[in-house]
N, C-alpha and C. Protein backbone atom coordinates (compact mmCIF):
# COMPACT_ATOMS: atom_id res chain seq x y z
N MET A 1 199.10 176.97 60.53
CA MET A 1 200.35 177.52 59.90
C MET A 1 199.90 178.99 59.96
N SER A 2 198.65 179.53 59.70
CA SER A 2 198.44 180.89 59.46
C SER A 2 198.96 181.55 60.73
N THR A 3 198.75 181.08 61.78
CA THR A 3 199.32 181.63 63.19
C THR A 3 200.66 181.80 63.09
N PHE A 4 201.37 180.92 62.73
CA PHE A 4 202.83 181.11 62.75
C PHE A 4 203.24 182.32 61.63
N PHE A 5 202.67 182.29 60.66
CA PHE A 5 202.92 183.48 59.69
C PHE A 5 202.39 184.91 60.16
N LYS A 6 201.38 184.70 61.02
CA LYS A 6 201.08 185.99 61.71
C LYS A 6 201.90 186.28 62.78
N LEU A 7 202.57 185.60 63.25
CA LEU A 7 203.59 185.77 64.18
C LEU A 7 204.86 186.44 63.64
N ILE A 8 205.36 185.64 62.39
CA ILE A 8 206.45 186.07 61.60
C ILE A 8 206.32 187.44 61.19
N PHE A 9 204.84 187.74 60.46
CA PHE A 9 204.54 189.02 60.20
C PHE A 9 204.91 190.15 61.19
N GLY A 10 204.15 189.78 62.45
CA GLY A 10 204.33 190.77 63.69
C GLY A 10 205.66 191.18 63.87
N LEU A 11 206.44 190.27 63.96
CA LEU A 11 207.90 190.39 64.21
C LEU A 11 208.65 191.14 63.30
N LEU A 12 208.33 190.90 62.28
CA LEU A 12 208.92 191.72 61.12
C LEU A 12 208.64 193.19 61.07
N LEU A 13 207.15 193.24 61.21
CA LEU A 13 206.71 194.61 61.17
C LEU A 13 207.35 195.38 62.68
N ALA A 14 207.55 194.68 63.55
CA ALA A 14 208.12 195.36 64.74
C ALA A 14 209.66 195.75 64.68
N VAL A 15 210.19 194.85 64.16
CA VAL A 15 211.64 195.15 63.98
C VAL A 15 211.76 196.12 62.70
N ALA A 16 210.95 196.20 61.53
CA ALA A 16 211.00 197.59 60.66
C ALA A 16 210.50 198.69 61.47
N THR A 17 209.53 198.62 62.30
CA THR A 17 209.30 199.99 63.05
C THR A 17 210.46 200.53 63.90
N HIS A 18 210.97 199.65 64.62
CA HIS A 18 212.19 199.78 65.62
C HIS A 18 213.35 200.46 64.86
N GLN A 19 213.58 199.82 63.82
CA GLN A 19 214.66 200.41 62.93
C GLN A 19 214.42 201.67 62.33
N THR A 20 213.37 201.86 61.97
CA THR A 20 212.82 203.02 61.36
C THR A 20 212.57 204.33 62.28
N LEU A 21 212.43 204.05 63.56
CA LEU A 21 212.14 205.00 64.37
C LEU A 21 213.56 205.11 65.23
N SER A 22 214.35 204.36 65.32
CA SER A 22 215.63 204.55 66.05
C SER A 22 216.35 205.48 65.58
N PRO A 23 217.19 206.35 66.46
CA PRO A 23 217.87 207.60 66.12
C PRO A 23 219.18 206.88 65.11
N LYS A 24 219.56 207.31 64.25
CA LYS A 24 220.69 207.06 63.20
C LYS A 24 222.17 207.40 63.90
N ALA A 25 222.86 206.28 64.01
CA ALA A 25 224.11 206.35 64.29
C ALA A 25 225.29 206.65 63.50
N LEU A 26 225.19 205.85 62.54
CA LEU A 26 225.98 205.96 61.25
C LEU A 26 225.52 206.33 59.90
N ASP A 27 226.29 206.91 59.22
CA ASP A 27 225.84 207.36 57.81
C ASP A 27 225.98 206.36 56.88
N ALA A 28 226.01 205.10 57.39
CA ALA A 28 226.02 203.86 56.40
C ALA A 28 225.11 203.66 55.02
N PHE A 29 223.87 204.30 55.51
CA PHE A 29 222.83 204.06 54.45
C PHE A 29 222.38 205.40 53.80
N ASP A 30 223.19 206.18 53.48
CA ASP A 30 223.00 207.35 52.82
C ASP A 30 223.23 207.22 51.33
N SER A 31 223.77 206.17 50.82
CA SER A 31 224.26 206.12 49.49
C SER A 31 222.82 205.28 48.90
N PRO A 32 222.99 205.17 47.45
CA PRO A 32 221.78 204.67 46.64
C PRO A 32 221.22 203.31 47.17
N PRO A 33 222.05 202.35 47.89
CA PRO A 33 221.72 201.14 48.22
C PRO A 33 220.58 201.22 49.30
N ASP A 34 220.38 202.43 50.08
CA ASP A 34 219.44 202.66 50.84
C ASP A 34 218.00 202.53 50.38
N LYS A 35 217.80 202.77 49.23
CA LYS A 35 216.47 202.67 48.51
C LYS A 35 216.33 201.14 48.32
N LEU A 36 217.25 200.33 47.85
CA LEU A 36 217.03 199.00 47.79
C LEU A 36 216.81 198.31 49.02
N ILE A 37 217.20 198.91 50.27
CA ILE A 37 216.89 198.35 51.66
C ILE A 37 215.27 198.63 51.95
N HIS A 38 215.04 199.84 51.48
CA HIS A 38 213.53 200.12 51.63
C HIS A 38 212.70 199.20 50.81
N PHE A 39 213.25 199.13 49.57
CA PHE A 39 212.39 198.01 48.77
C PHE A 39 212.42 196.78 49.32
N PHE A 40 213.28 196.21 49.50
CA PHE A 40 213.42 194.97 49.79
C PHE A 40 212.58 194.65 51.28
N CYS A 41 212.77 195.62 52.18
CA CYS A 41 212.12 195.76 53.62
C CYS A 41 210.65 195.48 53.46
N TRP A 42 210.02 196.36 52.50
CA TRP A 42 208.67 196.38 52.29
C TRP A 42 208.14 195.43 51.46
N ALA A 43 208.90 194.64 50.49
CA ALA A 43 208.66 193.81 49.91
C ALA A 43 208.62 192.53 50.87
N VAL A 44 209.33 192.27 51.68
CA VAL A 44 209.46 191.05 52.50
C VAL A 44 208.19 191.17 53.49
N LEU A 45 208.01 192.37 53.95
CA LEU A 45 206.79 192.58 54.78
C LEU A 45 205.51 192.31 54.07
N SER A 46 205.43 192.67 52.74
CA SER A 46 204.33 192.51 51.99
C SER A 46 203.96 191.04 51.73
N ALA A 47 205.23 190.43 51.40
CA ALA A 47 205.17 188.64 51.33
C ALA A 47 204.57 188.07 52.51
N ALA A 48 205.15 188.56 53.66
CA ALA A 48 204.76 188.10 54.84
C ALA A 48 203.33 188.26 55.15
N LEU A 49 202.89 189.44 54.81
CA LEU A 49 201.39 190.01 55.11
C LEU A 49 200.32 188.95 54.18
N TYR A 50 200.96 188.67 52.94
CA TYR A 50 200.18 187.58 52.15
C TYR A 50 200.15 186.33 52.93
N LEU A 51 201.26 185.83 53.31
CA LEU A 51 201.44 184.26 54.04
C LEU A 51 200.39 184.37 55.10
N ALA A 52 200.47 185.41 56.02
CA ALA A 52 199.70 185.47 56.96
C ALA A 52 198.23 185.76 57.04
N PHE A 53 197.71 186.46 56.07
CA PHE A 53 196.22 187.09 55.82
C PHE A 53 195.58 186.63 54.55
N SER A 54 196.08 185.99 53.70
CA SER A 54 195.70 185.60 52.57
C SER A 54 194.34 185.09 52.50
N ARG A 55 194.07 184.19 53.60
CA ARG A 55 192.62 183.44 53.77
C ARG A 55 191.65 184.47 53.90
N ALA A 56 192.11 185.72 54.39
CA ALA A 56 190.81 186.56 54.89
C ALA A 56 190.54 187.22 53.65
N GLY A 57 191.14 187.03 52.46
CA GLY A 57 190.60 187.66 51.28
C GLY A 57 190.46 189.01 51.27
N ARG A 58 191.35 189.95 51.92
CA ARG A 58 191.29 191.14 51.84
C ARG A 58 193.00 191.57 51.88
N TYR A 59 193.66 190.82 50.90
CA TYR A 59 195.15 191.22 50.80
C TYR A 59 195.33 192.69 50.35
N ARG A 60 194.70 192.87 49.38
CA ARG A 60 194.94 194.18 48.78
C ARG A 60 194.55 195.33 49.54
N THR A 61 193.41 195.33 50.57
CA THR A 61 193.19 196.50 51.58
C THR A 61 194.44 196.33 52.66
N LEU A 62 194.67 195.18 53.08
CA LEU A 62 195.68 195.14 53.99
C LEU A 62 197.20 195.51 53.53
N LEU A 63 197.25 195.38 52.39
CA LEU A 63 198.51 195.89 51.64
C LEU A 63 198.61 197.30 51.49
N ILE A 64 197.58 197.96 51.20
CA ILE A 64 197.33 199.44 51.19
C ILE A 64 197.55 199.90 52.48
N SER A 65 196.90 199.43 53.63
CA SER A 65 197.25 199.70 54.98
C SER A 65 198.92 199.65 55.45
N LEU A 66 199.35 198.59 54.93
CA LEU A 66 200.65 198.42 55.05
C LEU A 66 201.65 199.58 54.46
N PHE A 67 201.43 199.99 53.43
CA PHE A 67 202.08 200.94 52.64
C PHE A 67 201.45 202.23 53.40
N GLY A 68 200.56 202.47 53.86
CA GLY A 68 200.01 203.83 54.52
C GLY A 68 200.90 203.75 55.82
N TYR A 69 201.09 202.83 56.49
CA TYR A 69 202.10 202.70 57.55
C TYR A 69 203.28 202.95 57.45
N SER A 70 203.90 202.55 56.31
CA SER A 70 205.25 202.92 55.82
C SER A 70 205.45 204.31 55.71
N VAL A 71 204.36 205.00 55.15
CA VAL A 71 204.34 206.44 54.96
C VAL A 71 204.21 207.04 56.34
N ILE A 72 203.50 206.80 57.12
CA ILE A 72 203.30 207.22 58.59
C ILE A 72 204.80 207.14 59.28
N LEU A 73 205.43 206.18 59.22
CA LEU A 73 206.62 205.89 59.75
C LEU A 73 207.83 206.84 59.42
N GLU A 74 207.77 206.92 57.97
CA GLU A 74 208.62 207.93 57.26
C GLU A 74 208.42 209.29 57.71
N ILE A 75 207.17 209.72 57.88
CA ILE A 75 206.94 211.08 58.06
C ILE A 75 207.36 211.32 59.79
N ALA A 76 207.04 210.20 60.42
CA ALA A 76 207.55 210.25 61.94
C ALA A 76 209.26 210.33 62.00
N GLN A 77 209.82 210.24 61.23
CA GLN A 77 211.21 210.14 61.11
C GLN A 77 211.57 211.79 61.09
N LYS A 78 210.89 212.59 60.89
CA LYS A 78 210.86 214.14 61.22
C LYS A 78 211.45 214.29 62.59
N TRP A 79 211.10 213.72 63.51
CA TRP A 79 211.33 214.00 64.76
C TRP A 79 212.24 213.02 65.43
N VAL A 80 212.78 212.32 64.73
CA VAL A 80 213.72 211.36 65.13
C VAL A 80 215.42 211.74 64.87
N PRO A 81 216.21 212.01 65.75
CA PRO A 81 217.43 212.45 65.74
C PRO A 81 218.22 211.87 64.55
N GLY A 82 218.73 212.39 63.64
CA GLY A 82 219.62 211.70 62.66
C GLY A 82 218.77 211.27 61.63
N ARG A 83 217.47 211.44 61.44
CA ARG A 83 216.67 210.87 60.24
C ARG A 83 216.01 211.93 59.63
N TYR A 84 215.53 211.71 58.51
CA TYR A 84 214.64 212.65 57.96
C TYR A 84 213.50 212.08 57.14
N CYS A 85 212.58 212.69 56.82
CA CYS A 85 211.33 212.37 55.92
C CYS A 85 211.92 212.18 54.52
N SER A 86 211.60 211.24 53.63
CA SER A 86 212.11 211.20 52.48
C SER A 86 210.90 210.68 51.49
N GLY A 87 210.74 211.51 50.40
CA GLY A 87 209.53 211.05 49.59
C GLY A 87 210.14 209.84 48.62
N GLU A 88 211.30 210.06 48.44
CA GLU A 88 212.01 208.64 47.69
C GLU A 88 212.02 207.49 48.36
N ASP A 89 211.95 207.47 49.75
CA ASP A 89 212.13 206.55 50.61
C ASP A 89 210.51 205.82 50.59
N MET A 90 209.71 206.90 50.38
CA MET A 90 208.26 206.26 50.42
C MET A 90 208.02 205.62 49.20
N VAL A 91 208.32 206.20 48.09
CA VAL A 91 208.35 205.62 46.72
C VAL A 91 208.88 204.04 46.60
N ALA A 92 210.11 203.96 47.26
CA ALA A 92 210.84 202.59 47.34
C ALA A 92 210.00 201.77 48.18
N ASN A 93 209.50 202.22 49.31
CA ASN A 93 208.47 201.37 49.97
C ASN A 93 207.31 200.80 49.05
N GLY A 94 206.68 201.88 48.54
CA GLY A 94 205.45 201.57 47.66
C GLY A 94 205.92 200.86 46.53
N LEU A 95 206.92 200.62 45.93
CA LEU A 95 207.48 199.90 44.90
C LEU A 95 207.64 198.40 45.43
N GLY A 96 208.25 198.38 46.53
CA GLY A 96 208.44 196.99 47.23
C GLY A 96 207.07 196.11 47.50
N CYS A 97 205.95 196.96 47.98
CA CYS A 97 204.77 196.52 48.10
C CYS A 97 204.04 196.10 46.77
N LEU A 98 204.18 197.06 45.77
CA LEU A 98 203.56 196.65 44.42
C LEU A 98 204.28 195.54 43.72
N PHE A 99 205.71 195.34 43.93
CA PHE A 99 206.29 194.22 43.46
C PHE A 99 205.67 192.96 43.76
N VAL A 100 205.56 192.81 45.30
CA VAL A 100 205.02 191.50 45.71
C VAL A 100 203.64 191.35 45.39
N TYR A 101 202.94 192.49 45.22
CA TYR A 101 201.46 192.25 44.90
C TYR A 101 201.35 191.59 43.61
N ALA A 102 202.38 192.25 42.58
CA ALA A 102 202.25 191.72 41.00
C ALA A 102 202.71 190.21 41.09
N VAL A 103 203.76 189.94 41.96
CA VAL A 103 204.05 188.43 41.90
C VAL A 103 203.03 187.53 42.34
N VAL A 104 202.35 188.01 43.50
CA VAL A 104 201.19 187.15 43.85
C VAL A 104 200.11 187.10 43.11
N LYS A 105 199.85 188.15 42.34
CA LYS A 105 198.59 187.99 41.28
C LYS A 105 199.06 187.24 40.20
N PHE A 106 200.21 187.18 39.84
CA PHE A 106 200.82 186.53 38.74
C PHE A 106 200.87 185.05 39.01
N VAL A 107 201.32 184.49 40.19
CA VAL A 107 201.21 183.13 40.80
C VAL A 107 199.75 182.93 41.10
N GLU A 108 198.92 183.63 41.47
CA GLU A 108 197.59 183.16 41.63
C GLU A 108 196.88 182.86 40.15
N ARG A 109 197.22 183.50 39.43
CA ARG A 109 196.44 183.56 37.86
C ARG A 109 197.20 182.32 37.07
N ARG A 110 198.33 182.14 37.42
CA ARG A 110 199.18 181.10 36.61
C ARG A 110 198.91 179.77 37.22
N TRP A 111 198.87 179.46 38.55
CA TRP A 111 198.77 178.40 39.07
C TRP A 111 197.52 178.69 40.29
N PRO A 112 196.39 178.61 39.82
CA PRO A 112 195.16 178.91 40.69
C PRO A 112 195.01 178.04 42.13
N THR A 113 195.45 176.92 41.79
CA THR A 113 195.46 175.85 42.86
C THR A 113 196.47 176.14 44.18
N VAL A 114 197.45 177.09 43.66
CA VAL A 114 198.31 177.54 44.51
C VAL A 114 198.03 178.65 45.76
N LYS A 115 197.87 178.10 46.87
CA LYS A 115 197.34 179.30 47.91
C LYS A 115 198.30 179.39 49.13
N ALA A 116 198.36 180.44 49.69
CA ALA A 116 199.38 180.60 50.84
C ALA A 116 198.88 179.81 51.92
N GLY A 117 197.73 179.70 52.05
CA GLY A 117 197.08 179.07 53.08
C GLY A 117 197.35 177.50 53.01
N ASP A 118 197.65 177.12 52.01
CA ASP A 118 198.10 175.73 51.78
C ASP A 118 199.41 175.36 52.19
N ILE A 119 200.30 176.42 52.38
CA ILE A 119 201.64 176.08 52.79
C ILE A 119 201.87 175.64 54.22
């Protein structure tokens, strides 16, 4: 099942990368919900990362790498027409990652027999 989750994670990451680096056509996401979109996008990616790689035992390191990737994507938007680099977006990305990390740690401590690899 881990291979399935790795595929899902890869597809989600590809979609997030494409959406982040595509030129912006509409001003639909200039409102405050834009930060919620960033939060939920990176929260979903963080959850998919956990499901795909939890057995490797390096979730924290991989999660930090995922957040670093989100920062790199945000900086790369400087050179994409209609996009801009935003520190607030980086914070929203990081909060999405941290939220899922906190949930994962809570679940692992509360129910130690529950592991993503068992799904």
